[in-house]
Amino acid sequence: NTQNKVTVGIDINKLLVPTPPVEPYTQADLDNYRSQSVISSWFTS
């Protein structure tokens, strides 16, 4: 009515950055993680 109103909602969020390698990882794994471009990481995430 004019005095009572309710809103219910849900948000779902996802970071668009690479997932870091898990141990045990190699130096190559770490280099690949750090060297990813920003734009490609949005999709590969």
ModelCIF file with pLDDT and N, C-alpha, C, O atoms, coordinates in Angstrom:
data_MODEL
#
_entry.id   MODEL 
#
_entity.id                         1 
_entity.type                       polymer 
_entity.pdbx_number_of_molecules   1 
#
_entity_poly.entity_id                      1 
_entity_poly.type                           'polypeptide(L)' 
_entity_poly.nstd_linkage                   no 
_entity_poly.nstd_monomer                   no 
_entity_poly.pdbx_seq_one_letter_code       NTQNKVTVGIDINKLLVPTPPVEPYTQADLDNYRSQSVISSWFTS 
_entity_poly.pdbx_seq_one_letter_code_can   NTQNKVTVGIDINKLLVPTPPVEPYTQADLDNYRSQSVISSWFTS 
_entity_poly.pdbx_strand_id                 A 
#
loop_
_entity_poly_seq.entity_id 
_entity_poly_seq.num 
_entity_poly_seq.mon_id 
_entity_poly_seq.hetero 
1 1  ASN n 
1 2  THR n 
1 3  GLN n 
1 4  ASN n 
1 5  LYS n 
1 6  VAL n 
1 7  THR n 
1 8  VAL n 
1 9  GLY n 
1 10 ILE n 
1 11 ASP n 
1 12 ILE n 
1 13 ASN n 
1 14 LYS n 
1 15 LEU n 
1 16 LEU n 
1 17 VAL n 
1 18 PRO n 
1 19 THR n 
1 20 PRO n 
1 21 PRO n 
1 22 VAL n 
1 23 GLU n 
1 24 PRO n 
1 25 TYR n 
1 26 THR n 
1 27 GLN n 
1 28 ALA n 
1 29 ASP n 
1 30 LEU n 
1 31 ASP n 
1 32 ASN n 
1 33 TYR n 
1 34 ARG n 
1 35 SER n 
1 36 GLN n 
1 37 SER n 
1 38 VAL n 
1 39 ILE n 
1 40 SER n 
1 41 SER n 
1 42 TRP n 
1 43 PHE n 
1 44 THR n 
1 45 SER n 
#
_struct_asym.id          A 
_struct_asym.entity_id   1 
#
loop_
_ma_qa_metric.id 
_ma_qa_metric.mode 
_ma_qa_metric.name 
_ma_qa_metric.software_group_id 
_ma_qa_metric.type 
1 global pLDDT . pLDDT 
2 local  pLDDT . pLDDT 
#
_ma_qa_metric_global.metric_id      1 
_ma_qa_metric_global.metric_value   90.16 
_ma_qa_metric_global.model_id       1 
_ma_qa_metric_global.ordinal_id     1 
#
loop_
_ma_qa_metric_local.label_asym_id 
_ma_qa_metric_local.label_comp_id 
_ma_qa_metric_local.label_seq_id 
_ma_qa_metric_local.metric_id 
_ma_qa_metric_local.metric_value 
_ma_qa_metric_local.model_id 
_ma_qa_metric_local.ordinal_id 
A ASN 1  2 92.00 1 1  
A THR 2  2 89.00 1 2  
A GLN 3  2 94.00 1 3  
A ASN 4  2 96.00 1 4  
A LYS 5  2 96.00 1 5  
A VAL 6  2 98.00 1 6  
A THR 7  2 98.00 1 7  
A VAL 8  2 98.00 1 8  
A GLY 9  2 98.00 1 9  
A ILE 10 2 98.00 1 10 
A ASP 11 2 98.00 1 11 
A ILE 12 2 98.00 1 12 
A ASN 13 2 98.00 1 13 
A LYS 14 2 97.00 1 14 
A LEU 15 2 97.00 1 15 
A LEU 16 2 97.00 1 16 
A VAL 17 2 95.00 1 17 
A PRO 18 2 93.00 1 18 
A THR 19 2 91.00 1 19 
A PRO 20 2 88.00 1 20 
A PRO 21 2 85.00 1 21 
A VAL 22 2 81.00 1 22 
A GLU 23 2 78.00 1 23 
A PRO 24 2 76.00 1 24 
A TYR 25 2 78.00 1 25 
A THR 26 2 79.00 1 26 
A GLN 27 2 81.00 1 27 
A ALA 28 2 82.00 1 28 
A ASP 29 2 81.00 1 29 
A LEU 30 2 81.00 1 30 
A ASP 31 2 80.00 1 31 
A ASN 32 2 84.00 1 32 
A TYR 33 2 85.00 1 33 
A ARG 34 2 84.00 1 34 
A SER 35 2 85.00 1 35 
A GLN 36 2 90.00 1 36 
A SER 37 2 91.00 1 37 
A VAL 38 2 93.00 1 38 
A ILE 39 2 94.00 1 39 
A SER 40 2 92.00 1 40 
A SER 41 2 93.00 1 41 
A TRP 42 2 94.00 1 42 
A PHE 43 2 94.00 1 43 
A THR 44 2 93.00 1 44 
A SER 45 2 94.00 1 45 
#
loop_
_atom_site.group_PDB 
_atom_site.id 
_atom_site.type_symbol 
_atom_site.label_atom_id 
_atom_site.label_alt_id 
_atom_site.label_comp_id 
_atom_site.label_asym_id 
_atom_site.label_entity_id 
_atom_site.label_seq_id 
_atom_site.pdbx_PDB_ins_code 
_atom_site.Cartn_x 
_atom_site.Cartn_y 
_atom_site.Cartn_z 
_atom_site.occupancy 
_atom_site.B_iso_or_equiv 
_atom_site.pdbx_formal_charge 
_atom_site.auth_seq_id 
_atom_site.auth_comp_id 
_atom_site.auth_asym_id 
_atom_site.auth_atom_id 
_atom_site.pdbx_PDB_model_num 
ATOM 1   N N  . ASN A 1 1  ? 0.869  -1.173  0.000   1.00 92.00 ? 1  ASN A N  1 
ATOM 2   C CA . ASN A 1 1  ? 0.000  0.000   0.000   1.00 92.00 ? 1  ASN A CA 1 
ATOM 3   C C  . ASN A 1 1  ? 0.905  1.221   0.000   1.00 92.00 ? 1  ASN A C  1 
ATOM 4   O O  . ASN A 1 1  ? 2.111  1.089   -0.208  1.00 92.00 ? 1  ASN A O  1 
ATOM 5   N N  . THR A 1 2  ? 0.362  2.384   0.224   1.00 89.00 ? 2  THR A N  1 
ATOM 6   C CA . THR A 1 2  ? 1.165  3.608   0.167   1.00 89.00 ? 2  THR A CA 1 
ATOM 7   C C  . THR A 1 2  ? 2.170  3.717   1.305   1.00 89.00 ? 2  THR A C  1 
ATOM 8   O O  . THR A 1 2  ? 3.085  4.538   1.245   1.00 89.00 ? 2  THR A O  1 
ATOM 9   N N  . GLN A 1 3  ? 2.010  2.897   2.343   1.00 94.00 ? 3  GLN A N  1 
ATOM 10  C CA . GLN A 1 3  ? 2.896  3.004   3.496   1.00 94.00 ? 3  GLN A CA 1 
ATOM 11  C C  . GLN A 1 3  ? 3.878  1.853   3.636   1.00 94.00 ? 3  GLN A C  1 
ATOM 12  O O  . GLN A 1 3  ? 4.907  2.016   4.293   1.00 94.00 ? 3  GLN A O  1 
ATOM 13  N N  . ASN A 1 4  ? 3.605  0.703   3.050   1.00 96.00 ? 4  ASN A N  1 
ATOM 14  C CA . ASN A 1 4  ? 4.437  -0.481  3.263   1.00 96.00 ? 4  ASN A CA 1 
ATOM 15  C C  . ASN A 1 4  ? 4.947  -1.047  1.938   1.00 96.00 ? 4  ASN A C  1 
ATOM 16  O O  . ASN A 1 4  ? 4.169  -1.317  1.024   1.00 96.00 ? 4  ASN A O  1 
ATOM 17  N N  . LYS A 1 5  ? 6.266  -1.220  1.850   1.00 96.00 ? 5  LYS A N  1 
ATOM 18  C CA . LYS A 1 5  ? 6.872  -1.775  0.647   1.00 96.00 ? 5  LYS A CA 1 
ATOM 19  C C  . LYS A 1 5  ? 8.068  -2.644  1.026   1.00 96.00 ? 5  LYS A C  1 
ATOM 20  O O  . LYS A 1 5  ? 8.757  -2.380  2.011   1.00 96.00 ? 5  LYS A O  1 
ATOM 21  N N  . VAL A 1 6  ? 8.300  -3.675  0.234   1.00 98.00 ? 6  VAL A N  1 
ATOM 22  C CA . VAL A 1 6  ? 9.370  -4.632  0.502   1.00 98.00 ? 6  VAL A CA 1 
ATOM 23  C C  . VAL A 1 6  ? 10.145 -4.896  -0.780  1.00 98.00 ? 6  VAL A C  1 
ATOM 24  O O  . VAL A 1 6  ? 9.565  -4.970  -1.863  1.00 98.00 ? 6  VAL A O  1 
ATOM 25  N N  . THR A 1 7  ? 11.453 -5.036  -0.649  1.00 98.00 ? 7  THR A N  1 
ATOM 26  C CA . THR A 1 7  ? 12.330 -5.435  -1.743  1.00 98.00 ? 7  THR A CA 1 
ATOM 27  C C  . THR A 1 7  ? 13.182 -6.610  -1.294  1.00 98.00 ? 7  THR A C  1 
ATOM 28  O O  . THR A 1 7  ? 13.759 -6.575  -0.207  1.00 98.00 ? 7  THR A O  1 
ATOM 29  N N  . VAL A 1 8  ? 13.270 -7.652  -2.115  1.00 98.00 ? 8  VAL A N  1 
ATOM 30  C CA . VAL A 1 8  ? 14.180 -8.773  -1.863  1.00 98.00 ? 8  VAL A CA 1 
ATOM 31  C C  . VAL A 1 8  ? 15.041 -8.955  -3.102  1.00 98.00 ? 8  VAL A C  1 
ATOM 32  O O  . VAL A 1 8  ? 14.572 -8.755  -4.223  1.00 98.00 ? 8  VAL A O  1 
ATOM 33  N N  . GLY A 1 9  ? 16.304 -9.334  -2.904  1.00 98.00 ? 9  GLY A N  1 
ATOM 34  C CA . GLY A 1 9  ? 17.178 -9.426  -4.061  1.00 98.00 ? 9  GLY A CA 1 
ATOM 35  C C  . GLY A 1 9  ? 18.362 -10.333 -3.860  1.00 98.00 ? 9  GLY A C  1 
ATOM 36  O O  . GLY A 1 9  ? 18.646 -10.793 -2.754  1.00 98.00 ? 9  GLY A O  1 
ATOM 37  N N  . ILE A 1 10 ? 19.055 -10.580 -4.967  1.00 98.00 ? 10 ILE A N  1 
ATOM 38  C CA . ILE A 1 10 ? 20.253 -11.407 -4.983  1.00 98.00 ? 10 ILE A CA 1 
ATOM 39  C C  . ILE A 1 10 ? 21.268 -10.806 -5.949  1.00 98.00 ? 10 ILE A C  1 
ATOM 40  O O  . ILE A 1 10 ? 20.907 -10.366 -7.041  1.00 98.00 ? 10 ILE A O  1 
ATOM 41  N N  . ASP A 1 11 ? 22.517 -10.787 -5.554  1.00 98.00 ? 11 ASP A N  1 
ATOM 42  C CA . ASP A 1 11 ? 23.643 -10.432 -6.416  1.00 98.00 ? 11 ASP A CA 1 
ATOM 43  C C  . ASP A 1 11 ? 24.590 -11.619 -6.491  1.00 98.00 ? 11 ASP A C  1 
ATOM 44  O O  . ASP A 1 11 ? 24.813 -12.311 -5.498  1.00 98.00 ? 11 ASP A O  1 
ATOM 45  N N  . ILE A 1 12 ? 25.146 -11.849 -7.675  1.00 98.00 ? 12 ILE A N  1 
ATOM 46  C CA . ILE A 1 12 ? 26.180 -12.855 -7.873  1.00 98.00 ? 12 ILE A CA 1 
ATOM 47  C C  . ILE A 1 12 ? 27.382 -12.156 -8.480  1.00 98.00 ? 12 ILE A C  1 
ATOM 48  O O  . ILE A 1 12 ? 27.261 -11.478 -9.500  1.00 98.00 ? 12 ILE A O  1 
ATOM 49  N N  . ASN A 1 13 ? 28.547 -12.318 -7.852  1.00 98.00 ? 13 ASN A N  1 
ATOM 50  C CA . ASN A 1 13 ? 29.759 -11.637 -8.301  1.00 98.00 ? 13 ASN A CA 1 
ATOM 51  C C  . ASN A 1 13 ? 30.870 -12.626 -8.607  1.00 98.00 ? 13 ASN A C  1 
ATOM 52  O O  . ASN A 1 13 ? 30.983 -13.673 -7.969  1.00 98.00 ? 13 ASN A O  1 
ATOM 53  N N  . LYS A 1 14 ? 31.689 -12.278 -9.597  1.00 97.00 ? 14 LYS A N  1 
ATOM 54  C CA . LYS A 1 14 ? 32.825 -13.113 -10.000 1.00 97.00 ? 14 LYS A CA 1 
ATOM 55  C C  . LYS A 1 14 ? 33.989 -12.209 -10.374 1.00 97.00 ? 14 LYS A C  1 
ATOM 56  O O  . LYS A 1 14 ? 33.859 -11.361 -11.258 1.00 97.00 ? 14 LYS A O  1 
ATOM 57  N N  . LEU A 1 15 ? 35.135 -12.383 -9.705  1.00 97.00 ? 15 LEU A N  1 
ATOM 58  C CA . LEU A 1 15 ? 36.329 -11.641 -10.065 1.00 97.00 ? 15 LEU A CA 1 
ATOM 59  C C  . LEU A 1 15 ? 36.833 -12.093 -11.434 1.00 97.00 ? 15 LEU A C  1 
ATOM 60  O O  . LEU A 1 15 ? 36.920 -13.290 -11.707 1.00 97.00 ? 15 LEU A O  1 
ATOM 61  N N  . LEU A 1 16 ? 37.163 -11.130 -12.288 1.00 97.00 ? 16 LEU A N  1 
ATOM 62  C CA . LEU A 1 16 ? 37.643 -11.430 -13.636 1.00 97.00 ? 16 LEU A CA 1 
ATOM 63  C C  . LEU A 1 16 ? 39.165 -11.335 -13.677 1.00 97.00 ? 16 LEU A C  1 
ATOM 64  O O  . LEU A 1 16 ? 39.732 -10.604 -14.489 1.00 97.00 ? 16 LEU A O  1 
ATOM 65  N N  . VAL A 1 17 ? 39.809 -12.074 -12.801 1.00 95.00 ? 17 VAL A N  1 
ATOM 66  C CA . VAL A 1 17 ? 41.267 -12.125 -12.733 1.00 95.00 ? 17 VAL A CA 1 
ATOM 67  C C  . VAL A 1 17 ? 41.691 -13.588 -12.650 1.00 95.00 ? 17 VAL A C  1 
ATOM 68  O O  . VAL A 1 17 ? 40.898 -14.441 -12.251 1.00 95.00 ? 17 VAL A O  1 
ATOM 69  N N  . PRO A 1 18 ? 42.943 -13.887 -13.027 1.00 93.00 ? 18 PRO A N  1 
ATOM 70  C CA . PRO A 1 18 ? 43.379 -15.292 -13.055 1.00 93.00 ? 18 PRO A CA 1 
ATOM 71  C C  . PRO A 1 18 ? 43.376 -15.938 -11.675 1.00 93.00 ? 18 PRO A C  1 
ATOM 72  O O  . PRO A 1 18 ? 43.621 -15.283 -10.662 1.00 93.00 ? 18 PRO A O  1 
ATOM 73  N N  . THR A 1 19 ? 43.095 -17.224 -11.660 1.00 91.00 ? 19 THR A N  1 
ATOM 74  C CA . THR A 1 19 ? 43.252 -18.019 -10.450 1.00 91.00 ? 19 THR A CA 1 
ATOM 75  C C  . THR A 1 19 ? 44.722 -18.376 -10.299 1.00 91.00 ? 19 THR A C  1 
ATOM 76  O O  . THR A 1 19 ? 45.310 -18.896 -11.248 1.00 91.00 ? 19 THR A O  1 
ATOM 77  N N  . PRO A 1 20 ? 45.343 -18.121 -9.153  1.00 88.00 ? 20 PRO A N  1 
ATOM 78  C CA . PRO A 1 20 ? 46.769 -18.421 -9.003  1.00 88.00 ? 20 PRO A CA 1 
ATOM 79  C C  . PRO A 1 20 ? 47.022 -19.921 -9.030  1.00 88.00 ? 20 PRO A C  1 
ATOM 80  O O  . PRO A 1 20 ? 46.139 -20.706 -8.684  1.00 88.00 ? 20 PRO A O  1 
ATOM 81  N N  . PRO A 1 21 ? 48.231 -20.327 -9.441  1.00 85.00 ? 21 PRO A N  1 
ATOM 82  C CA . PRO A 1 21 ? 48.557 -21.754 -9.421  1.00 85.00 ? 21 PRO A CA 1 
ATOM 83  C C  . PRO A 1 21 ? 48.620 -22.275 -7.999  1.00 85.00 ? 21 PRO A C  1 
ATOM 84  O O  . PRO A 1 21 ? 48.906 -21.520 -7.069  1.00 85.00 ? 21 PRO A O  1 
ATOM 85  N N  . VAL A 1 22 ? 48.356 -23.558 -7.826  1.00 81.00 ? 22 VAL A N  1 
ATOM 86  C CA . VAL A 1 22 ? 48.404 -24.167 -6.505  1.00 81.00 ? 22 VAL A CA 1 
ATOM 87  C C  . VAL A 1 22 ? 49.725 -24.902 -6.329  1.00 81.00 ? 22 VAL A C  1 
ATOM 88  O O  . VAL A 1 22 ? 50.318 -25.380 -7.296  1.00 81.00 ? 22 VAL A O  1 
ATOM 89  N N  . GLU A 1 23 ? 50.172 -24.983 -5.099  1.00 78.00 ? 23 GLU A N  1 
ATOM 90  C CA . GLU A 1 23 ? 51.413 -25.698 -4.808  1.00 78.00 ? 23 GLU A CA 1 
ATOM 91  C C  . GLU A 1 23 ? 51.197 -27.203 -4.947  1.00 78.00 ? 23 GLU A C  1 
ATOM 92  O O  . GLU A 1 23 ? 50.112 -27.698 -4.640  1.00 78.00 ? 23 GLU A O  1 
ATOM 93  N N  . PRO A 1 24 ? 52.216 -27.943 -5.407  1.00 76.00 ? 24 PRO A N  1 
ATOM 94  C CA . PRO A 1 24 ? 53.517 -27.418 -5.840  1.00 76.00 ? 24 PRO A CA 1 
ATOM 95  C C  . PRO A 1 24 ? 53.449 -26.891 -7.272  1.00 76.00 ? 24 PRO A C  1 
ATOM 96  O O  . PRO A 1 24 ? 52.991 -27.591 -8.175  1.00 76.00 ? 24 PRO A O  1 
ATOM 97  N N  . TYR A 1 25 ? 53.904 -25.663 -7.473  1.00 78.00 ? 25 TYR A N  1 
ATOM 98  C CA . TYR A 1 25 ? 53.914 -25.093 -8.811  1.00 78.00 ? 25 TYR A CA 1 
ATOM 99  C C  . TYR A 1 25 ? 55.346 -24.762 -9.215  1.00 78.00 ? 25 TYR A C  1 
ATOM 100 O O  . TYR A 1 25 ? 56.221 -24.581 -8.369  1.00 78.00 ? 25 TYR A O  1 
ATOM 101 N N  . THR A 1 26 ? 55.562 -24.688 -10.516 1.00 79.00 ? 26 THR A N  1 
ATOM 102 C CA . THR A 1 26 ? 56.875 -24.399 -11.056 1.00 79.00 ? 26 THR A CA 1 
ATOM 103 C C  . THR A 1 26 ? 57.029 -22.900 -11.291 1.00 79.00 ? 26 THR A C  1 
ATOM 104 O O  . THR A 1 26 ? 56.051 -22.154 -11.246 1.00 79.00 ? 26 THR A O  1 
ATOM 105 N N  . GLN A 1 27 ? 58.247 -22.470 -11.537 1.00 81.00 ? 27 GLN A N  1 
ATOM 106 C CA . GLN A 1 27 ? 58.483 -21.069 -11.865 1.00 81.00 ? 27 GLN A CA 1 
ATOM 107 C C  . GLN A 1 27 ? 57.761 -20.695 -13.143 1.00 81.00 ? 27 GLN A C  1 
ATOM 108 O O  . GLN A 1 27 ? 57.294 -19.567 -13.299 1.00 81.00 ? 27 GLN A O  1 
ATOM 109 N N  . ALA A 1 28 ? 57.673 -21.658 -14.064 1.00 82.00 ? 28 ALA A N  1 
ATOM 110 C CA . ALA A 1 28 ? 56.954 -21.395 -15.313 1.00 82.00 ? 28 ALA A CA 1 
ATOM 111 C C  . ALA A 1 28 ? 55.470 -21.131 -15.049 1.00 82.00 ? 28 ALA A C  1 
ATOM 112 O O  . ALA A 1 28 ? 54.864 -20.270 -15.687 1.00 82.00 ? 28 ALA A O  1 
ATOM 113 N N  . ASP A 1 29 ? 54.885 -21.884 -14.095 1.00 81.00 ? 29 ASP A N  1 
ATOM 114 C CA . ASP A 1 29 ? 53.484 -21.655 -13.736 1.00 81.00 ? 29 ASP A CA 1 
ATOM 115 C C  . ASP A 1 29 ? 53.293 -20.238 -13.201 1.00 81.00 ? 29 ASP A C  1 
ATOM 116 O O  . ASP A 1 29 ? 52.336 -19.553 -13.561 1.00 81.00 ? 29 ASP A O  1 
ATOM 117 N N  . LEU A 1 30 ? 54.213 -19.808 -12.337 1.00 81.00 ? 30 LEU A N  1 
ATOM 118 C CA . LEU A 1 30 ? 54.120 -18.475 -11.758 1.00 81.00 ? 30 LEU A CA 1 
ATOM 119 C C  . LEU A 1 30 ? 54.321 -17.399 -12.814 1.00 81.00 ? 30 LEU A C  1 
ATOM 120 O O  . LEU A 1 30 ? 53.638 -16.375 -12.805 1.00 81.00 ? 30 LEU A O  1 
ATOM 121 N N  . ASP A 1 31 ? 55.271 -17.638 -13.735 1.00 80.00 ? 31 ASP A N  1 
ATOM 122 C CA . ASP A 1 31 ? 55.513 -16.664 -14.805 1.00 80.00 ? 31 ASP A CA 1 
ATOM 123 C C  . ASP A 1 31 ? 54.303 -16.538 -15.719 1.00 80.00 ? 31 ASP A C  1 
ATOM 124 O O  . ASP A 1 31 ? 53.952 -15.437 -16.143 1.00 80.00 ? 31 ASP A O  1 
ATOM 125 N N  . ASN A 1 32 ? 53.668 -17.657 -16.021 1.00 84.00 ? 32 ASN A N  1 
ATOM 126 C CA . ASN A 1 32 ? 52.480 -17.619 -16.875 1.00 84.00 ? 32 ASN A CA 1 
ATOM 127 C C  . ASN A 1 32 ? 51.344 -16.867 -16.199 1.00 84.00 ? 32 ASN A C  1 
ATOM 128 O O  . ASN A 1 32 ? 50.602 -16.123 -16.841 1.00 84.00 ? 32 ASN A O  1 
ATOM 129 N N  . TYR A 1 33 ? 51.222 -17.071 -14.900 1.00 85.00 ? 33 TYR A N  1 
ATOM 130 C CA . TYR A 1 33 ? 50.183 -16.373 -14.145 1.00 85.00 ? 33 TYR A CA 1 
ATOM 131 C C  . TYR A 1 33 ? 50.404 -14.864 -14.181 1.00 85.00 ? 33 TYR A C  1 
ATOM 132 O O  . TYR A 1 33 ? 49.465 -14.101 -14.410 1.00 85.00 ? 33 TYR A O  1 
ATOM 133 N N  . ARG A 1 34 ? 51.631 -14.438 -13.958 1.00 84.00 ? 34 ARG A N  1 
ATOM 134 C CA . ARG A 1 34 ? 51.926 -13.011 -13.905 1.00 84.00 ? 34 ARG A CA 1 
ATOM 135 C C  . ARG A 1 34 ? 51.917 -12.349 -15.275 1.00 84.00 ? 34 ARG A C  1 
ATOM 136 O O  . ARG A 1 34 ? 51.640 -11.154 -15.384 1.00 84.00 ? 34 ARG A O  1 
ATOM 137 N N  . SER A 1 35 ? 52.216 -13.110 -16.315 1.00 85.00 ? 35 SER A N  1 
ATOM 138 C CA . SER A 1 35 ? 52.374 -12.517 -17.643 1.00 85.00 ? 35 SER A CA 1 
ATOM 139 C C  . SER A 1 35 ? 51.071 -12.407 -18.427 1.00 85.00 ? 35 SER A C  1 
ATOM 140 O O  . SER A 1 35 ? 51.058 -11.838 -19.518 1.00 85.00 ? 35 SER A O  1 
ATOM 141 N N  . GLN A 1 36 ? 49.988 -12.936 -17.898 1.00 90.00 ? 36 GLN A N  1 
ATOM 142 C CA . GLN A 1 36 ? 48.724 -12.847 -18.616 1.00 90.00 ? 36 GLN A CA 1 
ATOM 143 C C  . GLN A 1 36 ? 48.321 -11.394 -18.818 1.00 90.00 ? 36 GLN A C  1 
ATOM 144 O O  . GLN A 1 36 ? 48.474 -10.558 -17.928 1.00 90.00 ? 36 GLN A O  1 
ATOM 145 N N  . SER A 1 37 ? 47.801 -11.112 -20.013 1.00 91.00 ? 37 SER A N  1 
ATOM 146 C CA . SER A 1 37 ? 47.335 -9.755  -20.279 1.00 91.00 ? 37 SER A CA 1 
ATOM 147 C C  . SER A 1 37 ? 46.021 -9.501  -19.551 1.00 91.00 ? 37 SER A C  1 
ATOM 148 O O  . SER A 1 37 ? 45.300 -10.434 -19.196 1.00 91.00 ? 37 SER A O  1 
ATOM 149 N N  . VAL A 1 38 ? 45.729 -8.239  -19.340 1.00 93.00 ? 38 VAL A N  1 
ATOM 150 C CA . VAL A 1 38 ? 44.521 -7.872  -18.612 1.00 93.00 ? 38 VAL A CA 1 
ATOM 151 C C  . VAL A 1 38 ? 43.272 -8.335  -19.357 1.00 93.00 ? 38 VAL A C  1 
ATOM 152 O O  . VAL A 1 38 ? 42.389 -8.962  -18.771 1.00 93.00 ? 38 VAL A O  1 
ATOM 153 N N  . ILE A 1 39 ? 43.202 -8.024  -20.646 1.00 94.00 ? 39 ILE A N  1 
ATOM 154 C CA . ILE A 1 39 ? 41.986 -8.334  -21.405 1.00 94.00 ? 39 ILE A CA 1 
ATOM 155 C C  . ILE A 1 39 ? 41.767 -9.838  -21.497 1.00 94.00 ? 39 ILE A C  1 
ATOM 156 O O  . ILE A 1 39 ? 40.643 -10.306 -21.314 1.00 94.00 ? 39 ILE A O  1 
ATOM 157 N N  . SER A 1 40 ? 42.814 -10.598 -21.776 1.00 92.00 ? 40 SER A N  1 
ATOM 158 C CA . SER A 1 40 ? 42.634 -12.049 -21.880 1.00 92.00 ? 40 SER A CA 1 
ATOM 159 C C  . SER A 1 40 ? 42.221 -12.654 -20.547 1.00 92.00 ? 40 SER A C  1 
ATOM 160 O O  . SER A 1 40 ? 41.482 -13.637 -20.512 1.00 92.00 ? 40 SER A O  1 
ATOM 161 N N  . SER A 1 41 ? 42.693 -12.073 -19.452 1.00 93.00 ? 41 SER A N  1 
ATOM 162 C CA . SER A 1 41 ? 42.356 -12.623 -18.130 1.00 93.00 ? 41 SER A CA 1 
ATOM 163 C C  . SER A 1 41 ? 40.871 -12.478 -17.819 1.00 93.00 ? 41 SER A C  1 
ATOM 164 O O  . SER A 1 41 ? 40.317 -13.289 -17.077 1.00 93.00 ? 41 SER A O  1 
ATOM 165 N N  . TRP A 1 42 ? 40.214 -11.455 -18.378 1.00 94.00 ? 42 TRP A N  1 
ATOM 166 C CA . TRP A 1 42 ? 38.776 -11.301 -18.148 1.00 94.00 ? 42 TRP A CA 1 
ATOM 167 C C  . TRP A 1 42 ? 38.012 -12.525 -18.649 1.00 94.00 ? 42 TRP A C  1 
ATOM 168 O O  . TRP A 1 42 ? 37.010 -12.922 -18.055 1.00 94.00 ? 42 TRP A O  1 
ATOM 169 N N  . PHE A 1 43 ? 38.485 -13.115 -19.734 1.00 94.00 ? 43 PHE A N  1 
ATOM 170 C CA . PHE A 1 43 ? 37.793 -14.258 -20.334 1.00 94.00 ? 43 PHE A CA 1 
ATOM 171 C C  . PHE A 1 43 ? 38.291 -15.594 -19.772 1.00 94.00 ? 43 PHE A C  1 
ATOM 172 O O  . PHE A 1 43 ? 37.493 -16.487 -19.489 1.00 94.00 ? 43 PHE A O  1 
ATOM 173 N N  . THR A 1 44 ? 39.607 -15.724 -19.611 1.00 93.00 ? 44 THR A N  1 
ATOM 174 C CA . THR A 1 44 ? 40.155 -16.990 -19.113 1.00 93.00 ? 44 THR A CA 1 
ATOM 175 C C  . THR A 1 44 ? 39.852 -17.220 -17.647 1.00 93.00 ? 44 THR A C  1 
ATOM 176 O O  . THR A 1 44 ? 39.992 -18.341 -17.157 1.00 93.00 ? 44 THR A O  1 
ATOM 177 N N  . SER A 1 45 ? 39.428 -16.158 -16.922 1.00 94.00 ? 45 SER A N  1 
ATOM 178 C CA . SER A 1 45 ? 39.113 -16.318 -15.502 1.00 94.00 ? 45 SER A CA 1 
ATOM 179 C C  . SER A 1 45 ? 37.949 -17.276 -15.274 1.00 94.00 ? 45 SER A C  1 
ATOM 180 O O  . SER A 1 45 ? 37.561 -17.517 -14.131 1.00 94.00 ? 45 SER A O  1 
#
